[in-house]
PDB file of N, CA and C in Angstrom:
ATOM      1  N   MET A   1     104.237 109.270  76.836  1.00  0.00           N
ATOM      2  CA  MET A   1     104.914 108.080  77.231  1.00  0.00           C
ATOM      3  C   MET A   1     106.371 108.085  76.783  1.00  0.00           C
ATOM      4  N   PHE A   2     106.642 108.518  75.572  1.00  0.00           N
ATOM      5  CA  PHE A   2     108.004 108.512  75.059  1.00  0.00           C
ATOM      6  C   PHE A   2     108.662 109.859  75.305  1.00  0.00           C
ATOM      7  N   ASP A   3     109.981 109.824  75.511  1.00  0.00           N
ATOM      8  CA  ASP A   3     110.726 111.061  75.680  1.00  0.00           C
ATOM      9  C   ASP A   3     111.902 111.061  74.698  1.00  0.00           C
ATOM     10  N   ASP A   4     112.774 112.026  74.835  1.00  0.00           N
ATOM     11  CA  ASP A   4     113.875 112.176  73.878  1.00  0.00           C
ATOM     12  C   ASP A   4     115.177 111.540  74.345  1.00  0.00           C
ATOM     13  N   ARG A   5     115.152 110.790  75.443  1.00  0.00           N
ATOM     14  CA  ARG A   5     116.413 110.279  75.972  1.00  0.00           C
ATOM     15  C   ARG A   5     116.998 109.113  75.181  1.00  0.00           C
ATOM     16  N   SER A   6     116.193 108.392  74.434  1.00  0.00           N
ATOM     17  CA  SER A   6     116.693 107.298  73.590  1.00  0.00           C
ATOM     18  C   SER A   6     115.708 107.085  72.443  1.00  0.00           C
ATOM     19  N   PRO A   7     116.116 106.344  71.409  1.00  0.00           N
ATOM     20  CA  PRO A   7     115.192 106.103  70.291  1.00  0.00           C
ATOM     21  C   PRO A   7     113.899 105.440  70.768  1.00  0.00           C
ATOM     22  N   ILE A   8     112.813 105.772  70.093  1.00  0.00           N
ATOM     23  CA  ILE A   8     111.496 105.272  70.506  1.00  0.00           C
ATOM     24  C   ILE A   8     111.444 103.747  70.486  1.00  0.00           C
ATOM     25  N   TYR A   9     112.078 103.124  69.497  1.00  0.00           N
ATOM     26  CA  TYR A   9     112.007 101.655  69.443  1.00  0.00           C
ATOM     27  C   TYR A   9     112.653 101.022  70.680  1.00  0.00           C
ATOM     28  N   LEU A  10     113.708 101.661  71.190  1.00  0.00           N
ATOM     29  CA  LEU A  10     114.340 101.151  72.414  1.00  0.00           C
ATOM     30  C   LEU A  10     113.430 101.371  73.626  1.00  0.00           C
ATOM     31  N   GLN A  11     112.715 102.490  73.642  1.00  0.00           N
ATOM     32  CA  GLN A  11     111.784 102.756  74.741  1.00  0.00           C
ATOM     33  C   GLN A  11     110.615 101.767  74.704  1.00  0.00           C
ATOM     34  N   ILE A  12     110.178 101.396  73.497  1.00  0.00           N
ATOM     35  CA  ILE A  12     109.121 100.388  73.366  1.00  0.00           C
ATOM     36  C   ILE A  12     109.614  99.059  73.937  1.00  0.00           C
ATOM     37  N   ALA A  13     110.809  98.662  73.532  1.00  0.00           N
ATOM     38  CA  ALA A  13     111.372  97.401  74.029  1.00  0.00           C
ATOM     39  C   ALA A  13     111.515  97.443  75.549  1.00  0.00           C
ATOM     40  N   GLU A  14     111.973  98.570  76.076  1.00  0.00           N
ATOM     41  CA  GLU A  14     112.163  98.682  77.521  1.00  0.00           C
ATOM     42  C   GLU A  14     110.825  98.625  78.261  1.00  0.00           C
ATOM     43  N   GLN A  15     109.798  99.252  77.706  1.00  0.00           N
ATOM     44  CA  GLN A  15     108.480  99.216  78.345  1.00  0.00           C
ATOM     45  C   GLN A  15     107.944  97.783  78.410  1.00  0.00           C
ATOM     46  N   ILE A  16     108.091  97.050  77.332  1.00  0.00           N
ATOM     47  CA  ILE A  16     107.618  95.662  77.319  1.00  0.00           C
ATOM     48  C   ILE A  16     108.428  94.825  78.312  1.00  0.00           C
ATOM     49  N   LYS A  17     109.738  95.046  78.340  1.00  0.00           N
ATOM     50  CA  LYS A  17     110.575  94.331  79.318  1.00  0.00           C
ATOM     51  C   LYS A  17     110.117  94.639  80.745  1.00  0.00           C
ATOM     52  N   ASN A  18     109.862  95.913  81.020  1.00  0.00           N
ATOM     53  CA  ASN A  18     109.400  96.297  82.362  1.00  0.00           C
ATOM     54  C   ASN A  18     108.072  95.621  82.701  1.00  0.00           C
ATOM     55  N   ASP A  19     107.183  95.524  81.724  1.00  0.00           N
ATOM     56  CA  ASP A  19     105.893  94.861  81.947  1.00  0.00           C
ATOM     57  C   ASP A  19     106.075  93.374  82.250  1.00  0.00           C
ATOM     58  N   ILE A  20     107.062  92.766  81.622  1.00  0.00           N
ATOM     59  CA  ILE A  20     107.333  91.343  81.873  1.00  0.00           C
ATOM     60  C   ILE A  20     107.940  91.171  83.260  1.00  0.00           C
ATOM     61  N   VAL A  21     108.912  92.000  83.602  1.00  0.00           N
ATOM     62  CA  VAL A  21     109.562  91.887  84.915  1.00  0.00           C
ATOM     63  C   VAL A  21     108.559  92.139  86.042  1.00  0.00           C
ATOM     64  N   SER A  22     107.670  93.105  85.853  1.00  0.00           N
ATOM     65  CA  SER A  22     106.692  93.428  86.907  1.00  0.00           C
ATOM     66  C   SER A  22     105.571  92.409  87.002  1.00  0.00           C
ATOM     67  N   GLY A  23     105.446  91.571  85.987  1.00  0.00           N
ATOM     68  CA  GLY A  23     104.371  90.585  85.987  1.00  0.00           C
ATOM     69  C   GLY A  23     103.120  91.054  85.263  1.00  0.00           C
ATOM     70  N   ALA A  24     103.142  92.264  84.732  1.00  0.00           N
ATOM     71  CA  ALA A  24     101.989  92.764  83.972  1.00  0.00           C
ATOM     72  C   ALA A  24     101.780  91.936  82.701  1.00  0.00           C
ATOM     73  N   LEU A  25     102.868  91.390  82.164  1.00  0.00           N
ATOM     74  CA  LEU A  25     102.793  90.465  81.035  1.00  0.00           C
ATOM     75  C   LEU A  25     103.363  89.124  81.494  1.00  0.00           C
ATOM     76  N   ALA A  26     102.604  88.073  81.319  1.00  0.00           N
ATOM     77  CA  ALA A  26     103.029  86.743  81.752  1.00  0.00           C
ATOM     78  C   ALA A  26     103.617  85.952  80.588  1.00  0.00           C
ATOM     79  N   GLU A  27     104.322  84.878  80.922  1.00  0.00           N
ATOM     80  CA  GLU A  27     104.862  84.001  79.890  1.00  0.00           C
ATOM     81  C   GLU A  27     103.727  83.462  79.020  1.00  0.00           C
ATOM     82  N   ASP A  28     103.997  83.398  77.747  1.00  0.00           N
ATOM     83  CA  ASP A  28     103.058  82.908  76.730  1.00  0.00           C
ATOM     84  C   ASP A  28     101.836  83.809  76.572  1.00  0.00           C
ATOM     85  N   GLU A  29     101.852  84.991  77.172  1.00  0.00           N
ATOM     86  CA  GLU A  29     100.751  85.942  76.978  1.00  0.00           C
ATOM     87  C   GLU A  29     100.995  86.718  75.680  1.00  0.00           C
ATOM     88  N   GLN A  30      99.941  86.946  74.936  1.00  0.00           N
ATOM     89  CA  GLN A  30     100.052  87.686  73.685  1.00  0.00           C
ATOM     90  C   GLN A  30     100.226  89.169  73.978  1.00  0.00           C
ATOM     91  N   VAL A  31     101.097  89.813  73.234  1.00  0.00           N
ATOM     92  CA  VAL A  31     101.279  91.258  73.350  1.00  0.00           C
ATOM     93  C   VAL A  31     100.577  91.928  72.176  1.00  0.00           C
ATOM     94  N   MET A  32     100.369  93.231  72.292  1.00  0.00           N
ATOM     95  CA  MET A  32      99.728  93.959  71.203  1.00  0.00           C
ATOM     96  C   MET A  32     100.541  93.770  69.922  1.00  0.00           C
ATOM     97  N   SER A  33      99.880  93.785  68.801  1.00  0.00           N
ATOM     98  CA  SER A  33     100.589  93.705  67.520  1.00  0.00           C
ATOM     99  C   SER A  33     101.316  95.031  67.285  1.00  0.00           C
ATOM    100  N   THR A  34     102.245  95.005  66.361  1.00  0.00           N
ATOM    101  CA  THR A  34     102.966  96.248  66.054  1.00  0.00           C
ATOM    102  C   THR A  34     102.006  97.308  65.525  1.00  0.00           C
ATOM    103  N   ASN A  35     101.015  96.896  64.743  1.00  0.00           N
ATOM    104  CA  ASN A  35     100.055  97.870  64.220  1.00  0.00           C
ATOM    105  C   ASN A  35      99.172  98.435  65.336  1.00  0.00           C
ATOM    106  N   GLN A  36      98.744  97.581  66.267  1.00  0.00           N
ATOM    107  CA  GLN A  36      97.961  98.082  67.406  1.00  0.00           C
ATOM    108  C   GLN A  36      98.804  99.031  68.260  1.00  0.00           C
ATOM    109  N   TYR A  37     100.029  98.624  68.473  1.00  0.00           N
ATOM    110  CA  TYR A  37     100.935  99.447  69.276  1.00  0.00           C
ATOM    111  C   TYR A  37     101.147 100.807  68.611  1.00  0.00           C
ATOM    112  N   ALA A  38     101.401 100.770  67.308  1.00  0.00           N
ATOM    113  CA  ALA A  38     101.637 102.008  66.562  1.00  0.00           C
ATOM    114  C   ALA A  38     100.407 102.910  66.587  1.00  0.00           C
ATOM    115  N   ALA A  39      99.233 102.323  66.418  1.00  0.00           N
ATOM    116  CA  ALA A  39      98.003 103.121  66.422  1.00  0.00           C
ATOM    117  C   ALA A  39      97.738 103.693  67.807  1.00  0.00           C
ATOM    118  N   PHE A  40      97.945 102.894  68.842  1.00  0.00           N
ATOM    119  CA  PHE A  40      97.668 103.345  70.209  1.00  0.00           C
ATOM    120  C   PHE A  40      98.580 104.499  70.614  1.00  0.00           C
ATOM    121  N   TYR A  41      99.869 104.382  70.283  1.00  0.00           N
ATOM    122  CA  TYR A  41     100.825 105.415  70.687  1.00  0.00           C
ATOM    123  C   TYR A  41     101.107 106.447  69.591  1.00  0.00           C
ATOM    124  N   ARG A  42     100.408 106.288  68.464  1.00  0.00           N
ATOM    125  CA  ARG A  42     100.553 107.223  67.350  1.00  0.00           C
ATOM    126  C   ARG A  42     102.005 107.356  66.898  1.00  0.00           C
ATOM    127  N   ILE A  43     102.578 106.214  66.581  1.00  0.00           N
ATOM    128  CA  ILE A  43     103.940 106.182  66.066  1.00  0.00           C
ATOM    129  C   ILE A  43     103.948 105.396  64.774  1.00  0.00           C
ATOM    130  N   ASN A  44     105.054 105.449  64.070  1.00  0.00           N
ATOM    131  CA  ASN A  44     105.200 104.715  62.822  1.00  0.00           C
ATOM    132  C   ASN A  44     105.233 103.216  63.125  1.00  0.00           C
ATOM    133  N   PRO A  45     104.456 102.399  62.396  1.00  0.00           N
ATOM    134  CA  PRO A  45     104.480 100.951  62.629  1.00  0.00           C
ATOM    135  C   PRO A  45     105.877 100.343  62.475  1.00  0.00           C
ATOM    136  N   ALA A  46     106.703 100.919  61.611  1.00  0.00           N
ATOM    137  CA  ALA A  46     108.069 100.404  61.436  1.00  0.00           C
ATOM    138  C   ALA A  46     108.888 100.603  62.712  1.00  0.00           C
ATOM    139  N   THR A  47     108.615 101.682  63.430  1.00  0.00           N
ATOM    140  CA  THR A  47     109.319 101.934  64.692  1.00  0.00           C
ATOM    141  C   THR A  47     108.925 100.885  65.730  1.00  0.00           C
ATOM    142  N   ALA A  48     107.630 100.622  65.826  1.00  0.00           N
ATOM    143  CA  ALA A  48     107.160  99.595  66.757  1.00  0.00           C
ATOM    144  C   ALA A  48     107.737  98.233  66.369  1.00  0.00           C
ATOM    145  N   ALA A  49     107.739  97.945  65.069  1.00  0.00           N
ATOM    146  CA  ALA A  49     108.253  96.653  64.598  1.00  0.00           C
ATOM    147  C   ALA A  49     109.738  96.494  64.944  1.00  0.00           C
ATOM    148  N   LYS A  50     110.492  97.587  64.878  1.00  0.00           N
ATOM    149  CA  LYS A  50     111.916  97.519  65.210  1.00  0.00           C
ATOM    150  C   LYS A  50     112.112  97.164  66.684  1.00  0.00           C
ATOM    151  N   GLY A  51     111.286  97.740  67.558  1.00  0.00           N
ATOM    152  CA  GLY A  51     111.354  97.413  68.982  1.00  0.00           C
ATOM    153  C   GLY A  51     110.986  95.961  69.241  1.00  0.00           C
ATOM    154  N   PHE A  52     109.948  95.484  68.572  1.00  0.00           N
ATOM    155  CA  PHE A  52     109.525  94.090  68.726  1.00  0.00           C
ATOM    156  C   PHE A  52     110.598  93.146  68.177  1.00  0.00           C
ATOM    157  N   ALA A  53     111.203  93.509  67.047  1.00  0.00           N
ATOM    158  CA  ALA A  53     112.234  92.652  66.444  1.00  0.00           C
ATOM    159  C   ALA A  53     113.416  92.483  67.397  1.00  0.00           C
ATOM    160  N   GLN A  54     113.757  93.552  68.090  1.00  0.00           N
ATOM    161  CA  GLN A  54     114.864  93.449  69.045  1.00  0.00           C
ATOM    162  C   GLN A  54     114.526  92.451  70.146  1.00  0.00           C
ATOM    163  N   LEU A  55     113.284  92.498  70.622  1.00  0.00           N
ATOM    164  CA  LEU A  55     112.864  91.582  71.684  1.00  0.00           C
ATOM    165  C   LEU A  55     112.838  90.133  71.195  1.00  0.00           C
ATOM    166  N   VAL A  56     112.465  89.938  69.949  1.00  0.00           N
ATOM    167  CA  VAL A  56     112.506  88.584  69.368  1.00  0.00           C
ATOM    168  C   VAL A  56     113.958  88.107  69.282  1.00  0.00           C
ATOM    169  N   ASP A  57     114.841  88.994  68.810  1.00  0.00           N
ATOM    170  CA  ASP A  57     116.266  88.635  68.702  1.00  0.00           C
ATOM    171  C   ASP A  57     116.870  88.298  70.067  1.00  0.00           C
ATOM    172  N   ASP A  58     116.387  88.982  71.097  1.00  0.00           N
ATOM    173  CA  ASP A  58     116.901  88.761  72.456  1.00  0.00           C
ATOM    174  C   ASP A  58     116.252  87.569  73.158  1.00  0.00           C
ATOM    175  N   GLY A  59     115.266  86.928  72.505  1.00  0.00           N
ATOM    176  CA  GLY A  59     114.604  85.768  73.100  1.00  0.00           C
ATOM    177  C   GLY A  59     113.537  86.131  74.127  1.00  0.00           C
ATOM    178  N   ILE A  60     113.080  87.383  74.101  1.00  0.00           N
ATOM    179  CA  ILE A  60     112.069  87.841  75.053  1.00  0.00           C
ATOM    180  C   ILE A  60     110.660  87.587  74.504  1.00  0.00           C
ATOM    181  N   LEU A  61     110.482  87.766  73.212  1.00  0.00           N
ATOM    182  CA  LEU A  61     109.199  87.513  72.556  1.00  0.00           C
ATOM    183  C   LEU A  61     109.405  86.447  71.479  1.00  0.00           C
ATOM    184  N   TYR A  62     108.316  85.763  71.147  1.00  0.00           N
ATOM    185  CA  TYR A  62     108.362  84.862  70.004  1.00  0.00           C
ATOM    186  C   TYR A  62     107.116  85.067  69.171  1.00  0.00           C
ATOM    187  N   LYS A  63     107.244  84.693  67.900  1.00  0.00           N
ATOM    188  CA  LYS A  63     106.146  84.897  66.954  1.00  0.00           C
ATOM    189  C   LYS A  63     105.399  83.594  66.741  1.00  0.00           C
ATOM    190  N   LYS A  64     104.082  83.720  66.651  1.00  0.00           N
ATOM    191  CA  LYS A  64     103.258  82.605  66.177  1.00  0.00           C
ATOM    192  C   LYS A  64     102.691  83.081  64.850  1.00  0.00           C
ATOM    193  N   ARG A  65     103.115  82.425  63.807  1.00  0.00           N
ATOM    194  CA  ARG A  65     102.742  82.855  62.466  1.00  0.00           C
ATOM    195  C   ARG A  65     101.225  83.002  62.329  1.00  0.00           C
ATOM    196  N   GLY A  66     100.830  84.165  61.880  1.00  0.00           N
ATOM    197  CA  GLY A  66      99.418  84.441  61.640  1.00  0.00           C
ATOM    198  C   GLY A  66      98.635  84.782  62.887  1.00  0.00           C
ATOM    199  N   ILE A  67      99.251  84.712  64.054  1.00  0.00           N
ATOM    200  CA  ILE A  67      98.533  84.996  65.301  1.00  0.00           C
ATOM    201  C   ILE A  67      99.078  86.241  65.976  1.00  0.00           C
ATOM    202  N   GLY A  68     100.412  86.317  66.131  1.00  0.00           N
ATOM    203  CA  GLY A  68     100.997  87.496  66.756  1.00  0.00           C
ATOM    204  C   GLY A  68     102.241  87.183  67.557  1.00  0.00           C
ATOM    205  N   MET A  69     102.560  88.114  68.454  1.00  0.00           N
ATOM    206  CA  MET A  69     103.755  88.005  69.302  1.00  0.00           C
ATOM    207  C   MET A  69     103.341  87.610  70.712  1.00  0.00           C
ATOM    208  N   PHE A  70     104.194  86.788  71.337  1.00  0.00           N
ATOM    209  CA  PHE A  70     103.926  86.294  72.680  1.00  0.00           C
ATOM    210  C   PHE A  70     105.183  86.412  73.532  1.00  0.00           C
ATOM    211  N   VAL A  71     104.974  86.479  74.837  1.00  0.00           N
ATOM    212  CA  VAL A  71     106.091  86.513  75.770  1.00  0.00           C
ATOM    213  C   VAL A  71     106.700  85.115  75.823  1.00  0.00           C
ATOM    214  N   ALA A  72     108.004  85.049  75.640  1.00  0.00           N
ATOM    215  CA  ALA A  72     108.708  83.766  75.622  1.00  0.00           C
ATOM    216  C   ALA A  72     108.723  83.133  77.011  1.00  0.00           C
ATOM    217  N   PRO A  73     108.709  81.780  77.038  1.00  0.00           N
ATOM    218  CA  PRO A  73     108.887  81.102  78.326  1.00  0.00           C
ATOM    219  C   PRO A  73     110.248  81.502  78.923  1.00  0.00           C
ATOM    220  N   ASN A  74     110.284  81.705  80.191  1.00  0.00           N
ATOM    221  CA  ASN A  74     111.498  82.105  80.914  1.00  0.00           C
ATOM    222  C   ASN A  74     111.968  83.529  80.603  1.00  0.00           C
ATOM    223  N   ALA A  75     111.159  84.318  79.915  1.00  0.00           N
ATOM    224  CA  ALA A  75     111.562  85.693  79.600  1.00  0.00           C
ATOM    225  C   ALA A  75     111.787  86.500  80.879  1.00  0.00           C
ATOM    226  N   ARG A  76     110.899  86.312  81.866  1.00  0.00           N
ATOM    227  CA  ARG A  76     111.045  87.063  83.114  1.00  0.00           C
ATOM    228  C   ARG A  76     112.352  86.709  83.818  1.00  0.00           C
ATOM    229  N   ASP A  77     112.659  85.416  83.888  1.00  0.00           N
ATOM    230  CA  ASP A  77     113.910  84.994  84.524  1.00  0.00           C
ATOM    231  C   ASP A  77     115.115  85.528  83.755  1.00  0.00           C
ATOM    232  N   LEU A  78     115.047  85.491  82.442  1.00  0.00           N
ATOM    233  CA  LEU A  78     116.135  85.995  81.604  1.00  0.00           C
ATOM    234  C   LEU A  78     116.367  87.482  81.863  1.00  0.00           C
ATOM    235  N   LEU A  79     115.276  88.242  81.915  1.00  0.00           N
ATOM    236  CA  LEU A  79     115.394  89.686  82.149  1.00  0.00           C
ATOM    237  C   LEU A  79     115.900  89.981  83.551  1.00  0.00           C
ATOM    238  N   ARG A  80     115.369  89.259  84.530  1.00  0.00           N
ATOM    239  CA  ARG A  80     115.805  89.502  85.919  1.00  0.00           C
ATOM    240  C   ARG A  80     117.285  89.158  86.099  1.00  0.00           C
ATOM    241  N   THR A  81     117.739  88.074  85.491  1.00  0.00           N
ATOM    242  CA  THR A  81     119.151  87.718  85.577  1.00  0.00           C
ATOM    243  C   THR A  81     120.028  88.803  84.949  1.00  0.00           C
ATOM    244  N   GLY A  82     119.631  89.286  83.803  1.00  0.00           N
ATOM    245  CA  GLY A  82     120.390  90.352  83.145  1.00  0.00           C
ATOM    246  C   GLY A  82     120.418  91.622  83.964  1.00  0.00           C
ATOM    247  N   ARG A  83     119.289  91.959  84.561  1.00  0.00           N
ATOM    248  CA  ARG A  83     119.236  93.178  85.378  1.00  0.00           C
ATOM    249  C   ARG A  83     120.044  93.021  86.660  1.00  0.00           C
ATOM    250  N   ARG A  84     120.067  91.831  87.225  1.00  0.00           N
ATOM    251  CA  ARG A  84     120.890  91.607  88.422  1.00  0.00           C
ATOM    252  C   ARG A  84     122.362  91.778  88.080  1.00  0.00           C
ATOM    253  N   ASP A  85     122.769  91.207  86.950  1.00  0.00           N
ATOM    254  CA  ASP A  85     124.162  91.362  86.531  1.00  0.00           C
ATOM    255  C   ASP A  85     124.498  92.836  86.318  1.00  0.00           C
ATOM    256  N   SER A  86     123.606  93.565  85.659  1.00  0.00           N
ATOM    257  CA  SER A  86     123.819  94.994  85.426  1.00  0.00           C
ATOM    258  C   SER A  86     123.830  95.770  86.730  1.00  0.00           C
ATOM    259  N   PHE A  87     122.989  95.355  87.669  1.00  0.00           N
ATOM    260  CA  PHE A  87     122.930  96.042  88.957  1.00  0.00           C
ATOM    261  C   PHE A  87     124.292  95.998  89.654  1.00  0.00           C
ATOM    262  N   PHE A  88     124.897  94.822  89.683  1.00  0.00           N
ATOM    263  CA  PHE A  88     126.204  94.716  90.333  1.00  0.00           C
ATOM    264  C   PHE A  88     127.271  95.484  89.555  1.00  0.00           C
ATOM    265  N   ALA A  89     127.251  95.372  88.239  1.00  0.00           N
ATOM    266  CA  ALA A  89     128.276  96.042  87.435  1.00  0.00           C
ATOM    267  C   ALA A  89     128.098  97.561  87.417  1.00  0.00           C
ATOM    268  N   ASP A  90     126.849  98.021  87.364  1.00  0.00           N
ATOM    269  CA  ASP A  90     126.595  99.458  87.203  1.00  0.00           C
ATOM    270  C   ASP A  90     126.391 100.201  88.520  1.00  0.00           C
ATOM    271  N   VAL A  91     125.970  99.499  89.572  1.00  0.00           N
ATOM    272  CA  VAL A  91     125.642 100.168  90.833  1.00  0.00           C
ATOM    273  C   VAL A  91     126.575  99.742  91.966  1.00  0.00           C
ATOM    274  N   VAL A  92     126.618  98.443  92.224  1.00  0.00           N
ATOM    275  CA  VAL A  92     127.352  97.962  93.407  1.00  0.00           C
ATOM    276  C   VAL A  92     128.864  98.131  93.243  1.00  0.00           C
ATOM    277  N   ASP A  93     129.405  97.703  92.121  1.00  0.00           N
ATOM    278  CA  ASP A  93     130.862  97.805  91.939  1.00  0.00           C
ATOM    279  C   ASP A  93     131.354  99.250  92.011  1.00  0.00           C
ATOM    280  N   PRO A  94     130.707 100.198  91.318  1.00  0.00           N
ATOM    281  CA  PRO A  94     131.137 101.598  91.457  1.00  0.00           C
ATOM    282  C   PRO A  94     130.965 102.123  92.891  1.00  0.00           C
ATOM    283  N   MET A  95     129.925 101.666  93.593  1.00  0.00           N
ATOM    284  CA  MET A  95     129.723 102.088  94.981  1.00  0.00           C
ATOM    285  C   MET A  95     130.876 101.601  95.859  1.00  0.00           C
ATOM    286  N   ILE A  96     131.260 100.352  95.684  1.00  0.00           N
ATOM    287  CA  ILE A  96     132.363  99.809  96.475  1.00  0.00           C
ATOM    288  C   ILE A  96     133.665 100.553  96.155  1.00  0.00           C
ATOM    289  N   HIS A  97     133.872 100.823  94.887  1.00  0.00           N
ATOM    290  CA  HIS A  97     135.072 101.570  94.482  1.00  0.00           C
ATOM    291  C   HIS A  97     135.093 102.949  95.146  1.00  0.00           C
ATOM    292  N   GLU A  98     133.963 103.640  95.110  1.00  0.00           N
ATOM    293  CA  GLU A  98     133.884 104.973  95.717  1.00  0.00           C
ATOM    294  C   GLU A  98     134.038 104.887  97.230  1.00  0.00           C
ATOM    295  N   ALA A  99     133.434 103.865  97.846  1.00  0.00           N
ATOM    296  CA  ALA A  99     133.548 103.702  99.297  1.00  0.00           C
ATOM    297  C   ALA A  99     135.007 103.508  99.704  1.00  0.00           C
ATOM    298  N   LYS A 100     135.738 102.696  98.933  1.00  0.00           N
ATOM    299  CA  LYS A 100     137.162 102.501  99.218  1.00  0.00           C
ATOM    300  C   LYS A 100     137.922 103.816  99.072  1.00  0.00           C
ATOM    301  N   ALA A 101     137.577 104.576  98.048  1.00  0.00           N
ATOM    302  CA  ALA A 101     138.270 105.838  97.783  1.00  0.00           C
ATOM    303  C   ALA A 101     138.086 106.835  98.917  1.00  0.00           C
ATOM    304  N   ILE A 102     136.917 106.813  99.544  1.00  0.00           N
ATOM    305  CA  ILE A 102     136.650 107.805 100.601  1.00  0.00           C
ATOM    306  C   ILE A 102     136.742 107.192 101.998  1.00  0.00           C
ATOM    307  N   GLY A 103     137.197 105.938 102.067  1.00  0.00           N
ATOM    308  CA  GLY A 103     137.488 105.335 103.358  1.00  0.00           C
ATOM    309  C   GLY A 103     136.308 104.774 104.129  1.00  0.00           C
ATOM    310  N   ILE A 104     135.284 104.327 103.455  1.00  0.00           N
ATOM    311  CA  ILE A 104     134.159 103.687 104.138  1.00  0.00           C
ATOM    312  C   ILE A 104     134.406 102.182 104.146  1.00  0.00           C
ATOM    313  N   PRO A 105     134.506 101.560 105.336  1.00  0.00           N
ATOM    314  CA  PRO A 105     134.718 100.112 105.394  1.00  0.00           C
ATOM    315  C   PRO A 105     133.515  99.346 104.841  1.00  0.00           C
ATOM    316  N   LEU A 106     133.795  98.189 104.256  1.00  0.00           N
ATOM    317  CA  LEU A 106     132.743  97.353 103.676  1.00  0.00           C
ATOM    318  C   LEU A 106     131.692  96.983 104.719  1.00  0.00           C
ATOM    319  N   LYS A 107     132.149  96.740 105.962  1.00  0.00           N
ATOM    320  CA  LYS A 107     131.190  96.361 107.007  1.00  0.00           C
ATOM    321  C   LYS A 107     130.190  97.498 107.263  1.00  0.00           C
ATOM    322  N   ASP A 108     130.587  98.749 107.126  1.00  0.00           N
ATOM    323  CA  ASP A 108     129.667  99.871 107.297  1.00  0.00           C
ATOM    324  C   ASP A 108     128.635  99.921 106.172  1.00  0.00           C
ATOM    325  N   ILE A 109     129.076  99.578 104.982  1.00  0.00           N
ATOM    326  CA  ILE A 109     128.142  99.541 103.849  1.00  0.00           C
ATOM    327  C   ILE A 109     127.116  98.435 104.069  1.00  0.00           C
ATOM    328  N   VAL A 110     127.589  97.271 104.467  1.00  0.00           N
ATOM    329  CA  VAL A 110     126.687  96.138 104.710  1.00  0.00           C
ATOM    330  C   VAL A 110     125.701  96.490 105.815  1.00  0.00           C
ATOM    331  N   GLN A 111     126.195  97.102 106.893  1.00  0.00           N
ATOM    332  CA  GLN A 111     125.310  97.494 107.998  1.00  0.00           C
ATOM    333  C   GLN A 111     124.263  98.508 107.528  1.00  0.00           C
ATOM    334  N   HIS A 112     124.681  99.439 106.698  1.00  0.00           N
ATOM    335  CA  HIS A 112     123.740 100.446 106.181  1.00  0.00           C
ATOM    336  C   HIS A 112     122.662  99.788 105.313  1.00  0.00           C
ATOM    337  N   VAL A 113     123.086  98.876 104.460  1.00  0.00           N
ATOM    338  CA  VAL A 113     122.121  98.188 103.585  1.00  0.00           C
ATOM    339  C   VAL A 113     121.151  97.372 104.433  1.00  0.00           C
ATOM    340  N   ARG A 114     121.668  96.671 105.429  1.00  0.00           N
ATOM    341  CA  ARG A 114     120.793  95.859 106.291  1.00  0.00           C
ATOM    342  C   ARG A 114     119.805  96.721 107.063  1.00  0.00           C
ATOM    343  N   SER A 115     120.197  97.938 107.415  1.00  0.00           N
ATOM    344  CA  SER A 115     119.294  98.813 108.154  1.00  0.00           C
ATOM    345  C   SER A 115     118.064  99.205 107.327  1.00  0.00           C
ATOM    346  N   HIS A 116     118.173  99.028 106.021  1.00  0.00           N
ATOM    347  CA  HIS A 116     117.030  99.326 105.139  1.00  0.00           C
ATOM    348  C   HIS A 116     116.175  98.095 104.882  1.00  0.00           C
ATOM    349  N   GLY A 117     116.545  96.956 105.490  1.00  0.00           N
ATOM    350  CA  GLY A 117     115.732  95.752 105.366  1.00  0.00           C
ATOM    351  C   GLY A 117     115.962  95.011 104.077  1.00  0.00           C
ATOM    352  N   ASP A 118     115.385  93.824 104.001  1.00  0.00           N
ATOM    353  CA  ASP A 118     115.480  93.019 102.796  1.00  0.00           C
ATOM    354  C   ASP A 118     114.542  93.563 101.748  1.00  0.00           C
ATOM    355  N   ALA A 119     114.998  93.467 100.509  1.00  0.00           N
ATOM    356  CA  ALA A 119     114.174  93.933  99.388  1.00  0.00           C
ATOM    357  C   ALA A 119     113.236  92.861  98.954  1.00  0.00           C
TER     358      ALA A 119
END
């Protein structure tokens, strides 16, 4: 499951975020504990805890004392909004810049996108 492209705790956080965005984890649903996560993936519990702590700091998960971690209300909307912003900044804006550089009119880009249908 984990690779060498980024620290494991970041990959844990990203996996949980992906599960929330896809709907695999719902709002107020309990997630595995750090110890369960560590045992399942055979990693250090401190590494799992670091990934969970980041999600708590970001408002994606919240703790219920003595019970565990849960998906925060509106976590999916928060993640989707952030990803939409990143999509425009990381994908669309550079595409438009490159299209201008090589002489592709904006209307051709729009027509091409429309030919692929609505997402």
